[in-house]
Amino acid sequence: MSQIDTPKDFIPVRIAVLTVSDTRTAEDDKSGNVLVERIAAAGHVLAARMIVQDERDMIAGQLRDWCADGAIDVVISTGGTGLTGRDVTVEAHRDVYDKEIDAFATVFTIVSMNKIGTSAVQSRATGGVANGTYLFALPGSPGACKDAWDEILVKQLDYRHKPCNFVEIMPRLDEHQRRK
C-alpha cells in the first residue's frame, strides 16, 4: 500500500498551471485556483500560470514553451478534455508528448467513478512526458481538479511517497536526449 517515507526530505517541484477556456478570466478561474491552492498547500512552487483559448496550436505551443523552460518540472492544464467540438486539450497534449502515461487516465477514471459514477466516461484526462517535463490534462471542473490532485498528483509529486513516485525518476526523464 502507498505511504509516506518520513525519513526522506520533501522535494518541492515547480509546477505551471494552464487553464484552457474561451470564457474564463483570472477573476473567475475556479479550477485554476483550486490547483494553485493545492500546489502551495503541498509545499510545491507555482512556476507559472496562464489562461489560453481552446485552440489546439495555442495550447500545444504553450506546453512546448513550458517544457523548454528549465524552471518548470510539471505542467497541469485544466479544461478542454471533454467531448465537444471545442475540447482539443487532449489532442494538443498528445501533439507534445514524448511518452503518454496511460495509467494516469485509468486511475483518474477510477477516482471519478467513485465520485460521479458512470459520468466519468465523459472525461478524457491524460498525462504524459515531454522534454523531461510531466504534463497532465484535467477536466475543467473544480471537483475534478480536486479529485486528480488529492487522489493522484499530491502523492505522485511527493518524493517521499512509496513504493514509487514521479519525482524520483525526474532526473532520468530526458536521458534518451543525452545519449549520442
C-alpha atoms as a PDB file:
ATOM      1  CA  MET A   1       0.000   0.000   0.000  1.00  0.00           C
ATOM      2  CA  SER A   2       1.190   3.532  -0.664  1.00  0.00           C
ATOM      3  CA  GLN A   3       2.590   5.595   2.182  1.00  0.00           C
ATOM      4  CA  ILE A   4       4.979   8.425   3.030  1.00  0.00           C
ATOM      5  CA  ASP A   5       8.585   7.549   3.846  1.00  0.00           C
ATOM      6  CA  THR A   6       9.058  10.087   6.658  1.00  0.00           C
ATOM      7  CA  PRO A   7      12.867   9.922   6.967  1.00  0.00           C
ATOM      8  CA  LYS A   8      13.157  11.291   3.410  1.00  0.00           C
ATOM      9  CA  ASP A   9      13.136  15.053   2.872  1.00  0.00           C
ATOM     10  CA  PHE A  10      10.321  16.625   0.871  1.00  0.00           C
ATOM     11  CA  ILE A  11      11.473  17.970  -2.506  1.00  0.00           C
ATOM     12  CA  PRO A  12       9.296  20.782  -3.888  1.00  0.00           C
ATOM     13  CA  VAL A  13       8.649  20.662  -7.623  1.00  0.00           C
ATOM     14  CA  ARG A  14       7.988  23.641  -9.876  1.00  0.00           C
ATOM     15  CA  ILE A  15       4.503  23.446 -11.362  1.00  0.00           C
ATOM     16  CA  ALA A  16       2.844  25.544 -14.066  1.00  0.00           C
ATOM     17  CA  VAL A  17      -0.958  25.754 -14.311  1.00  0.00           C
ATOM     18  CA  LEU A  18      -2.611  26.258 -17.689  1.00  0.00           C
ATOM     19  CA  THR A  19      -6.346  26.931 -17.851  1.00  0.00           C
ATOM     20  CA  VAL A  20      -7.867  26.209 -21.248  1.00  0.00           C
ATOM     21  CA  SER A  21     -11.023  28.216 -21.834  1.00  0.00           C
ATOM     22  CA  ASP A  22     -12.671  30.628 -24.254  1.00  0.00           C
ATOM     23  CA  THR A  23     -14.564  32.306 -21.403  1.00  0.00           C
ATOM     24  CA  ARG A  24     -12.573  32.127 -18.149  1.00  0.00           C
ATOM     25  CA  THR A  25     -10.645  35.080 -16.797  1.00  0.00           C
ATOM     26  CA  ALA A  26      -8.173  35.377 -13.932  1.00  0.00           C
ATOM     27  CA  GLU A  27     -11.063  36.559 -11.743  1.00  0.00           C
ATOM     28  CA  ASP A  28     -13.303  33.515 -12.302  1.00  0.00           C
ATOM     29  CA  ASP A  29     -10.834  30.680 -12.921  1.00  0.00           C
ATOM     30  CA  LYS A  30     -12.105  28.413 -10.137  1.00  0.00           C
ATOM     31  CA  SER A  31     -10.346  25.260 -11.355  1.00  0.00           C
ATOM     32  CA  GLY A  32      -7.030  27.055 -11.767  1.00  0.00           C
ATOM     33  CA  ASN A  33      -7.443  28.493  -8.272  1.00  0.00           C
ATOM     34  CA  VAL A  34      -8.105  25.023  -6.837  1.00  0.00           C
ATOM     35  CA  LEU A  35      -4.850  23.768  -8.335  1.00  0.00           C
ATOM     36  CA  VAL A  36      -2.836  26.816  -7.236  1.00  0.00           C
ATOM     37  CA  GLU A  37      -4.125  26.493  -3.662  1.00  0.00           C
ATOM     38  CA  ARG A  38      -3.317  22.788  -3.504  1.00  0.00           C
ATOM     39  CA  ILE A  39       0.133  23.238  -5.057  1.00  0.00           C
ATOM     40  CA  ALA A  40       1.012  25.796  -2.372  1.00  0.00           C
ATOM     41  CA  ALA A  41      -0.519  23.760   0.463  1.00  0.00           C
ATOM     42  CA  ALA A  42       1.566  20.736  -0.560  1.00  0.00           C
ATOM     43  CA  GLY A  43       4.766  22.825  -0.436  1.00  0.00           C
ATOM     44  CA  HIS A  44       5.424  22.991  -4.182  1.00  0.00           C
ATOM     45  CA  VAL A  45       6.268  26.098  -6.209  1.00  0.00           C
ATOM     46  CA  LEU A  46       3.862  27.742  -8.646  1.00  0.00           C
ATOM     47  CA  ALA A  47       6.271  28.369 -11.528  1.00  0.00           C
ATOM     48  CA  ALA A  48       3.783  29.942 -13.964  1.00  0.00           C
ATOM     49  CA  ARG A  49       0.091  30.384 -14.613  1.00  0.00           C
ATOM     50  CA  MET A  50      -1.785  31.266 -17.771  1.00  0.00           C
ATOM     51  CA  ILE A  51      -5.169  31.081 -19.475  1.00  0.00           C
ATOM     52  CA  VAL A  52      -5.307  30.176 -23.189  1.00  0.00           C
ATOM     53  CA  GLN A  53      -8.200  29.724 -25.575  1.00  0.00           C
ATOM     54  CA  ASP A  54      -9.453  26.338 -26.735  1.00  0.00           C
ATOM     55  CA  GLU A  55      -7.147  26.347 -29.757  1.00  0.00           C
ATOM     56  CA  ARG A  56      -5.014  23.270 -30.321  1.00  0.00           C
ATOM     57  CA  ASP A  57      -1.978  25.151 -31.651  1.00  0.00           C
ATOM     58  CA  MET A  58      -2.081  27.710 -28.829  1.00  0.00           C
ATOM     59  CA  ILE A  59      -2.310  25.005 -26.173  1.00  0.00           C
ATOM     60  CA  ALA A  60       0.462  22.892 -27.711  1.00  0.00           C
ATOM     61  CA  GLY A  61       2.635  25.971 -28.175  1.00  0.00           C
ATOM     62  CA  GLN A  62       2.333  26.944 -24.514  1.00  0.00           C
ATOM     63  CA  LEU A  63       3.032  23.374 -23.409  1.00  0.00           C
ATOM     64  CA  ARG A  64       6.164  23.283 -25.592  1.00  0.00           C
ATOM     65  CA  ASP A  65       7.345  26.645 -24.233  1.00  0.00           C
ATOM     66  CA  TRP A  66       6.979  25.458 -20.660  1.00  0.00           C
ATOM     67  CA  CYS A  67       8.621  22.110 -21.439  1.00  0.00           C
ATOM     68  CA  ALA A  68      11.621  24.037 -22.782  1.00  0.00           C
ATOM     69  CA  ASP A  69      11.812  26.123 -19.591  1.00  0.00           C
ATOM     70  CA  GLY A  70      14.261  24.560 -17.133  1.00  0.00           C
ATOM     71  CA  ALA A  71      12.424  26.275 -14.269  1.00  0.00           C
ATOM     72  CA  ILE A  72       9.293  24.130 -14.803  1.00  0.00           C
ATOM     73  CA  ASP A  73       9.082  20.449 -13.824  1.00  0.00           C
ATOM     74  CA  VAL A  74       5.345  19.807 -14.221  1.00  0.00           C
ATOM     75  CA  VAL A  75       2.510  21.359 -16.221  1.00  0.00           C
ATOM     76  CA  ILE A  76      -1.089  20.807 -15.183  1.00  0.00           C
ATOM     77  CA  SER A  77      -3.788  22.007 -17.539  1.00  0.00           C
ATOM     78  CA  THR A  78      -7.462  22.250 -16.708  1.00  0.00           C
ATOM     79  CA  GLY A  79     -10.282  22.413 -19.231  1.00  0.00           C
ATOM     80  CA  GLY A  80     -10.906  21.214 -22.754  1.00  0.00           C
ATOM     81  CA  THR A  81     -10.841  17.476 -22.024  1.00  0.00           C
ATOM     82  CA  GLY A  82     -14.480  16.767 -22.804  1.00  0.00           C
ATOM     83  CA  LEU A  83     -16.264  15.589 -25.925  1.00  0.00           C
ATOM     84  CA  THR A  84     -17.468  18.811 -27.527  1.00  0.00           C
ATOM     85  CA  GLY A  85     -16.037  20.226 -30.731  1.00  0.00           C
ATOM     86  CA  ARG A  86     -14.035  22.908 -28.896  1.00  0.00           C
ATOM     87  CA  ASP A  87     -12.426  20.377 -26.497  1.00  0.00           C
ATOM     88  CA  VAL A  88      -8.945  19.954 -28.008  1.00  0.00           C
ATOM     89  CA  THR A  89      -6.684  19.940 -24.951  1.00  0.00           C
ATOM     90  CA  VAL A  90      -6.063  16.192 -25.094  1.00  0.00           C
ATOM     91  CA  GLU A  91      -5.086  16.379 -28.759  1.00  0.00           C
ATOM     92  CA  ALA A  92      -2.758  19.310 -28.010  1.00  0.00           C
ATOM     93  CA  HIS A  93      -1.120  17.387 -25.167  1.00  0.00           C
ATOM     94  CA  ARG A  94      -0.612  14.359 -27.390  1.00  0.00           C
ATOM     95  CA  ASP A  95       0.962  16.600 -30.048  1.00  0.00           C
ATOM     96  CA  VAL A  96       3.642  17.417 -27.455  1.00  0.00           C
ATOM     97  CA  TYR A  97       4.165  14.130 -25.553  1.00  0.00           C
ATOM     98  CA  ASP A  98       7.299  12.043 -25.959  1.00  0.00           C
ATOM     99  CA  LYS A  99       5.529   9.349 -23.935  1.00  0.00           C
ATOM    100  CA  GLU A 100       1.985   9.048 -22.655  1.00  0.00           C
ATOM    101  CA  ILE A 101       1.319   7.924 -19.089  1.00  0.00           C
ATOM    102  CA  ASP A 102      -1.613   5.660 -19.978  1.00  0.00           C
ATOM    103  CA  ALA A 103      -2.351   4.626 -16.411  1.00  0.00           C
ATOM    104  CA  PHE A 104      -2.963   8.235 -15.362  1.00  0.00           C
ATOM    105  CA  ALA A 105      -6.210   8.276 -17.354  1.00  0.00           C
ATOM    106  CA  THR A 106      -7.179   4.883 -15.955  1.00  0.00           C
ATOM    107  CA  VAL A 107      -6.556   5.857 -12.337  1.00  0.00           C
ATOM    108  CA  PHE A 108      -8.338   9.187 -12.850  1.00  0.00           C
ATOM    109  CA  THR A 109     -11.341   7.323 -14.248  1.00  0.00           C
ATOM    110  CA  ILE A 110     -11.406   5.022 -11.215  1.00  0.00           C
ATOM    111  CA  VAL A 111     -11.258   8.021  -8.857  1.00  0.00           C
ATOM    112  CA  SER A 112     -14.005   9.763 -10.856  1.00  0.00           C
ATOM    113  CA  MET A 113     -16.230   6.682 -10.890  1.00  0.00           C
ATOM    114  CA  ASN A 114     -16.201   6.715  -7.097  1.00  0.00           C
ATOM    115  CA  LYS A 115     -17.353  10.361  -7.125  1.00  0.00           C
ATOM    116  CA  ILE A 116     -19.640  10.776 -10.165  1.00  0.00           C
ATOM    117  CA  GLY A 117     -20.438   7.240 -11.290  1.00  0.00           C
ATOM    118  CA  THR A 118     -20.734   6.489 -14.974  1.00  0.00           C
ATOM    119  CA  SER A 119     -20.471  10.187 -15.889  1.00  0.00           C
ATOM    120  CA  ALA A 120     -16.714   9.580 -15.553  1.00  0.00           C
ATOM    121  CA  VAL A 121     -16.835   8.048 -19.032  1.00  0.00           C
ATOM    122  CA  GLN A 122     -17.067  11.575 -20.486  1.00  0.00           C
ATOM    123  CA  SER A 123     -13.619  12.615 -19.223  1.00  0.00           C
ATOM    124  CA  ARG A 124     -10.518  12.297 -21.364  1.00  0.00           C
ATOM    125  CA  ALA A 125      -7.967  13.256 -18.713  1.00  0.00           C
ATOM    126  CA  THR A 126      -4.452  12.361 -19.797  1.00  0.00           C
ATOM    127  CA  GLY A 127      -0.849  12.515 -18.683  1.00  0.00           C
ATOM    128  CA  GLY A 128       2.495  12.314 -20.381  1.00  0.00           C
ATOM    129  CA  VAL A 129       6.121  13.357 -20.503  1.00  0.00           C
ATOM    130  CA  ALA A 130       7.770  15.772 -22.938  1.00  0.00           C
ATOM    131  CA  ASN A 131      11.329  17.065 -22.877  1.00  0.00           C
ATOM    132  CA  GLY A 132      11.775  15.846 -19.294  1.00  0.00           C
ATOM    133  CA  THR A 133       8.596  17.608 -18.074  1.00  0.00           C
ATOM    134  CA  TYR A 134       5.455  15.942 -16.760  1.00  0.00           C
ATOM    135  CA  LEU A 135       2.196  17.082 -18.393  1.00  0.00           C
ATOM    136  CA  PHE A 136      -1.287  16.399 -17.040  1.00  0.00           C
ATOM    137  CA  ALA A 137      -4.590  17.433 -18.634  1.00  0.00           C
ATOM    138  CA  LEU A 138      -7.505  17.588 -16.194  1.00  0.00           C
ATOM    139  CA  PRO A 139     -11.164  18.398 -16.759  1.00  0.00           C
ATOM    140  CA  GLY A 140     -12.278  21.983 -16.211  1.00  0.00           C
ATOM    141  CA  SER A 141     -14.441  21.394 -13.155  1.00  0.00           C
ATOM    142  CA  PRO A 142     -13.092  22.335  -9.710  1.00  0.00           C
ATOM    143  CA  GLY A 143     -14.271  18.958  -8.379  1.00  0.00           C
ATOM    144  CA  ALA A 144     -12.295  17.044 -10.997  1.00  0.00           C
ATOM    145  CA  CYS A 145      -9.192  19.121 -10.239  1.00  0.00           C
ATOM    146  CA  LYS A 146      -9.591  18.419  -6.522  1.00  0.00           C
ATOM    147  CA  ASP A 147     -10.003  14.701  -7.186  1.00  0.00           C
ATOM    148  CA  ALA A 148      -6.991  14.478  -9.508  1.00  0.00           C
ATOM    149  CA  TRP A 149      -4.783  16.422  -7.101  1.00  0.00           C
ATOM    150  CA  ASP A 150      -5.980  14.885  -3.829  1.00  0.00           C
ATOM    151  CA  GLU A 151      -6.117  11.289  -5.022  1.00  0.00           C
ATOM    152  CA  ILE A 152      -3.230  11.082  -7.515  1.00  0.00           C
ATOM    153  CA  LEU A 153      -0.943  14.057  -8.046  1.00  0.00           C
ATOM    154  CA  VAL A 154      -0.281  15.091  -4.440  1.00  0.00           C
ATOM    155  CA  LYS A 155       1.064  11.588  -3.847  1.00  0.00           C
ATOM    156  CA  GLN A 156       2.948  11.056  -7.094  1.00  0.00           C
ATOM    157  CA  LEU A 157       4.574  14.502  -6.869  1.00  0.00           C
ATOM    158  CA  ASP A 158       5.860  13.810  -3.352  1.00  0.00           C
ATOM    159  CA  TYR A 159       9.384  12.386  -3.328  1.00  0.00           C
ATOM    160  CA  ARG A 160       8.639  10.641  -0.030  1.00  0.00           C
ATOM    161  CA  HIS A 161       5.723   8.628  -1.445  1.00  0.00           C
ATOM    162  CA  LYS A 162       6.414   4.929  -1.731  1.00  0.00           C
ATOM    163  CA  PRO A 163       6.653   2.418  -3.209  1.00  0.00           C
ATOM    164  CA  CYS A 164       7.383   4.842  -6.095  1.00  0.00           C
ATOM    165  CA  ASN A 165       6.620   8.350  -7.348  1.00  0.00           C
ATOM    166  CA  PHE A 166       7.137  10.657 -10.308  1.00  0.00           C
ATOM    167  CA  VAL A 167       9.739  12.837  -8.560  1.00  0.00           C
ATOM    168  CA  GLU A 168      12.321  10.114  -8.009  1.00  0.00           C
ATOM    169  CA  ILE A 169      12.571   9.419 -11.754  1.00  0.00           C
ATOM    170  CA  MET A 170      12.618  13.073 -12.877  1.00  0.00           C
ATOM    171  CA  PRO A 171      16.392  13.117 -13.442  1.00  0.00           C
ATOM    172  CA  ARG A 172      16.010  10.252 -15.924  1.00  0.00           C
ATOM    173  CA  LEU A 173      13.027  11.524 -17.944  1.00  0.00           C
ATOM    174  CA  ASP A 174      15.181  13.021 -20.673  1.00  0.00           C
ATOM    175  CA  GLU A 175      18.095  10.553 -20.574  1.00  0.00           C
ATOM    176  CA  HIS A 176      17.332   9.482 -24.157  1.00  0.00           C
ATOM    177  CA  GLN A 177      18.150  13.026 -25.273  1.00  0.00           C
ATOM    178  CA  ARG A 178      21.573  12.884 -23.609  1.00  0.00           C
ATOM    179  CA  ARG A 179      22.633   9.653 -25.320  1.00  0.00           C
ATOM    180  CA  LYS A 180      24.591  10.023 -28.538  1.00  0.00           C
END
